[in-house]
C-alpha atoms as a PDB file:
ATOM      1  CA  MET A   1       0.000   0.000   0.000  1.00  0.00           C
ATOM      2  CA  LEU A   2       1.147   3.542  -0.681  1.00  0.00           C
ATOM      3  CA  SER A   3       2.788   5.163   2.331  1.00  0.00           C
ATOM      4  CA  VAL A   4       2.821   8.893   3.057  1.00  0.00           C
ATOM      5  CA  THR A   5       5.684  10.828   4.680  1.00  0.00           C
ATOM      6  CA  GLU A   6       5.120  13.304   7.505  1.00  0.00           C
ATOM      7  CA  ASN A   7       5.983  16.163   5.097  1.00  0.00           C
ATOM      8  CA  ALA A   8       3.301  15.010   2.682  1.00  0.00           C
ATOM      9  CA  GLN A   9       0.789  14.542   5.510  1.00  0.00           C
ATOM     10  CA  THR A  10       1.342  18.114   6.686  1.00  0.00           C
ATOM     11  CA  LEU A  11       1.050  19.592   3.190  1.00  0.00           C
ATOM     12  CA  VAL A  12      -2.032  17.507   2.304  1.00  0.00           C
ATOM     13  CA  GLU A  13      -3.693  18.690   5.529  1.00  0.00           C
ATOM     14  CA  GLY A  14      -2.848  22.305   4.645  1.00  0.00           C
ATOM     15  CA  LEU A  15      -4.182  21.982   1.105  1.00  0.00           C
ATOM     16  CA  ALA A  16      -7.379  20.307   2.309  1.00  0.00           C
ATOM     17  CA  THR A  17      -7.926  23.003   4.941  1.00  0.00           C
ATOM     18  CA  GLU A  18      -7.289  25.828   2.447  1.00  0.00           C
ATOM     19  CA  ALA A  19      -9.769  24.242   0.040  1.00  0.00           C
ATOM     20  CA  GLY A  20     -12.385  23.937   2.782  1.00  0.00           C
ATOM     21  CA  LEU A  21     -12.715  20.162   2.378  1.00  0.00           C
ATOM     22  CA  ALA A  22     -14.765  18.303   4.956  1.00  0.00           C
ATOM     23  CA  ASP A  23     -13.164  15.678   7.202  1.00  0.00           C
ATOM     24  CA  ASN A  24     -13.738  12.971   4.574  1.00  0.00           C
ATOM     25  CA  GLY A  25     -11.945  14.951   1.834  1.00  0.00           C
ATOM     26  CA  GLY A  26      -8.355  14.610   0.729  1.00  0.00           C
ATOM     27  CA  LEU A  27      -5.835  14.313  -2.060  1.00  0.00           C
ATOM     28  CA  ARG A  28      -6.654  11.976  -4.972  1.00  0.00           C
ATOM     29  CA  ILE A  29      -4.073  10.302  -7.204  1.00  0.00           C
ATOM     30  CA  ALA A  30      -5.218   8.801 -10.501  1.00  0.00           C
ATOM     31  CA  MET A  31      -3.875   8.040 -13.952  1.00  0.00           C
ATOM     32  CA  ALA A  32      -4.328  10.817 -16.508  1.00  0.00           C
ATOM     33  CA  GLU A  33      -6.567  10.111 -19.500  1.00  0.00           C
ATOM     34  CA  ASP A  34      -3.546   9.309 -21.668  1.00  0.00           C
ATOM     35  CA  GLN A  35      -2.431   6.717 -19.066  1.00  0.00           C
ATOM     36  CA  THR A  36       1.167   8.024 -19.137  1.00  0.00           C
ATOM     37  CA  GLN A  37       1.097  10.376 -16.149  1.00  0.00           C
ATOM     38  CA  LEU A  38      -0.415  10.633 -12.706  1.00  0.00           C
ATOM     39  CA  GLU A  39      -2.869  13.386 -11.832  1.00  0.00           C
ATOM     40  CA  VAL A  40      -3.097  14.803  -8.330  1.00  0.00           C
ATOM     41  CA  SER A  41      -6.208  16.689  -7.273  1.00  0.00           C
ATOM     42  CA  LEU A  42      -8.204  17.584  -4.183  1.00  0.00           C
ATOM     43  CA  ALA A  43     -11.415  15.616  -3.743  1.00  0.00           C
ATOM     44  CA  PRO A  44     -14.306  16.037  -1.298  1.00  0.00           C
ATOM     45  CA  GLU A  45     -14.521  12.252  -0.883  1.00  0.00           C
ATOM     46  CA  PRO A  46     -13.106   9.056  -2.390  1.00  0.00           C
ATOM     47  CA  GLN A  47     -14.542   7.697  -5.626  1.00  0.00           C
ATOM     48  CA  PRO A  48     -16.040   4.184  -5.576  1.00  0.00           C
ATOM     49  CA  GLY A  49     -13.170   1.676  -5.591  1.00  0.00           C
ATOM     50  CA  ASP A  50     -10.527   4.159  -4.397  1.00  0.00           C
ATOM     51  CA  GLN A  51      -7.954   2.917  -1.907  1.00  0.00           C
ATOM     52  CA  VAL A  52      -7.973   5.251   1.121  1.00  0.00           C
ATOM     53  CA  VAL A  53      -4.627   5.916   2.813  1.00  0.00           C
ATOM     54  CA  ASP A  54      -4.617   7.712   6.163  1.00  0.00           C
ATOM     55  CA  ALA A  55      -2.457  10.829   6.013  1.00  0.00           C
ATOM     56  CA  GLY A  56      -2.769  12.340   9.466  1.00  0.00           C
ATOM     57  CA  GLN A  57      -5.867  14.529   9.663  1.00  0.00           C
ATOM     58  CA  SER A  58      -6.502  14.163   5.928  1.00  0.00           C
ATOM     59  CA  LYS A  59      -6.670  11.265   3.503  1.00  0.00           C
ATOM     60  CA  VAL A  60      -4.996  10.268   0.263  1.00  0.00           C
ATOM     61  CA  PHE A  61      -7.249   8.503  -2.238  1.00  0.00           C
ATOM     62  CA  VAL A  62      -5.654   6.261  -4.848  1.00  0.00           C
ATOM     63  CA  ALA A  63      -7.799   5.379  -7.871  1.00  0.00           C
ATOM     64  CA  GLU A  64      -8.540   1.669  -8.170  1.00  0.00           C
ATOM     65  CA  ASP A  65      -6.695   1.305 -11.488  1.00  0.00           C
ATOM     66  CA  THR A  66      -3.708   3.264 -10.135  1.00  0.00           C
ATOM     67  CA  ALA A  67      -3.285   1.475  -6.798  1.00  0.00           C
ATOM     68  CA  PRO A  68      -1.222  -1.480  -8.125  1.00  0.00           C
ATOM     69  CA  ALA A  69       1.381   0.903  -9.601  1.00  0.00           C
ATOM     70  CA  LEU A  70       1.734   2.758  -6.282  1.00  0.00           C
ATOM     71  CA  GLU A  71       1.600  -0.281  -3.997  1.00  0.00           C
ATOM     72  CA  ASN A  72       5.264  -0.110  -2.920  1.00  0.00           C
ATOM     73  CA  GLN A  73       5.747   3.654  -3.251  1.00  0.00           C
ATOM     74  CA  THR A  74       6.109   6.456  -0.715  1.00  0.00           C
ATOM     75  CA  LEU A  75       4.477   9.833  -1.362  1.00  0.00           C
ATOM     76  CA  ASP A  76       6.524  12.834  -0.265  1.00  0.00           C
ATOM     77  CA  ALA A  77       5.891  16.548  -0.718  1.00  0.00           C
ATOM     78  CA  THR A  78       7.785  19.814  -0.526  1.00  0.00           C
ATOM     79  CA  GLN A  79       6.692  23.420  -0.617  1.00  0.00           C
ATOM     80  CA  THR A  80       8.287  25.342  -3.495  1.00  0.00           C
ATOM     81  CA  GLU A  81       7.892  28.841  -4.915  1.00  0.00           C
ATOM     82  CA  GLN A  82       5.528  27.345  -7.523  1.00  0.00           C
ATOM     83  CA  GLY A  83       3.412  25.553  -4.896  1.00  0.00           C
ATOM     84  CA  VAL A  84       3.426  22.053  -3.461  1.00  0.00           C
ATOM     85  CA  GLY A  85       5.478  19.452  -5.295  1.00  0.00           C
ATOM     86  CA  PHE A  86       4.798  15.734  -4.844  1.00  0.00           C
ATOM     87  CA  THR A  87       7.269  12.921  -5.467  1.00  0.00           C
ATOM     88  CA  LEU A  88       7.025   9.136  -5.365  1.00  0.00           C
ATOM     89  CA  THR A  89       9.926   6.932  -4.328  1.00  0.00           C
ATOM     90  CA  PRO A  90      10.171   3.170  -3.826  1.00  0.00           C
ATOM     91  CA  GLN A  91       9.590   2.077  -0.247  1.00  0.00           C
ATOM     92  CA  GLN A  92      12.649   0.858   1.613  1.00  0.00           C
ATOM     93  CA  GLU A  93      12.706  -2.880   2.292  1.00  0.00           C
ATOM     94  CA  ALA A  94      12.575  -3.710   5.986  1.00  0.00           C
ATOM     95  CA  THR A  95      15.695  -5.476   7.183  1.00  0.00           C
ATOM     96  CA  SER A  96      15.729  -7.871  10.086  1.00  0.00           C
END
């Protein structure tokens, strides 16, 4: 399942609050229509079939057809002059 860093949690919460989303709203990640890029948007609630990932006070929704591609990824975010930038990186394998 997609994991979310503390940085991303904080920025998703800020974006959701600024947008006036209710408690069940959050950030949604889905494939673009051309199926070559991911789209990130704010959503008032998950779409049917979305995977819901807890991100602190807010949620991250992953579209059903996108979830397998993000299964072992970590979502991070940084604030830039142009706005919030999101990145995905492979999750680190746990070592025993």
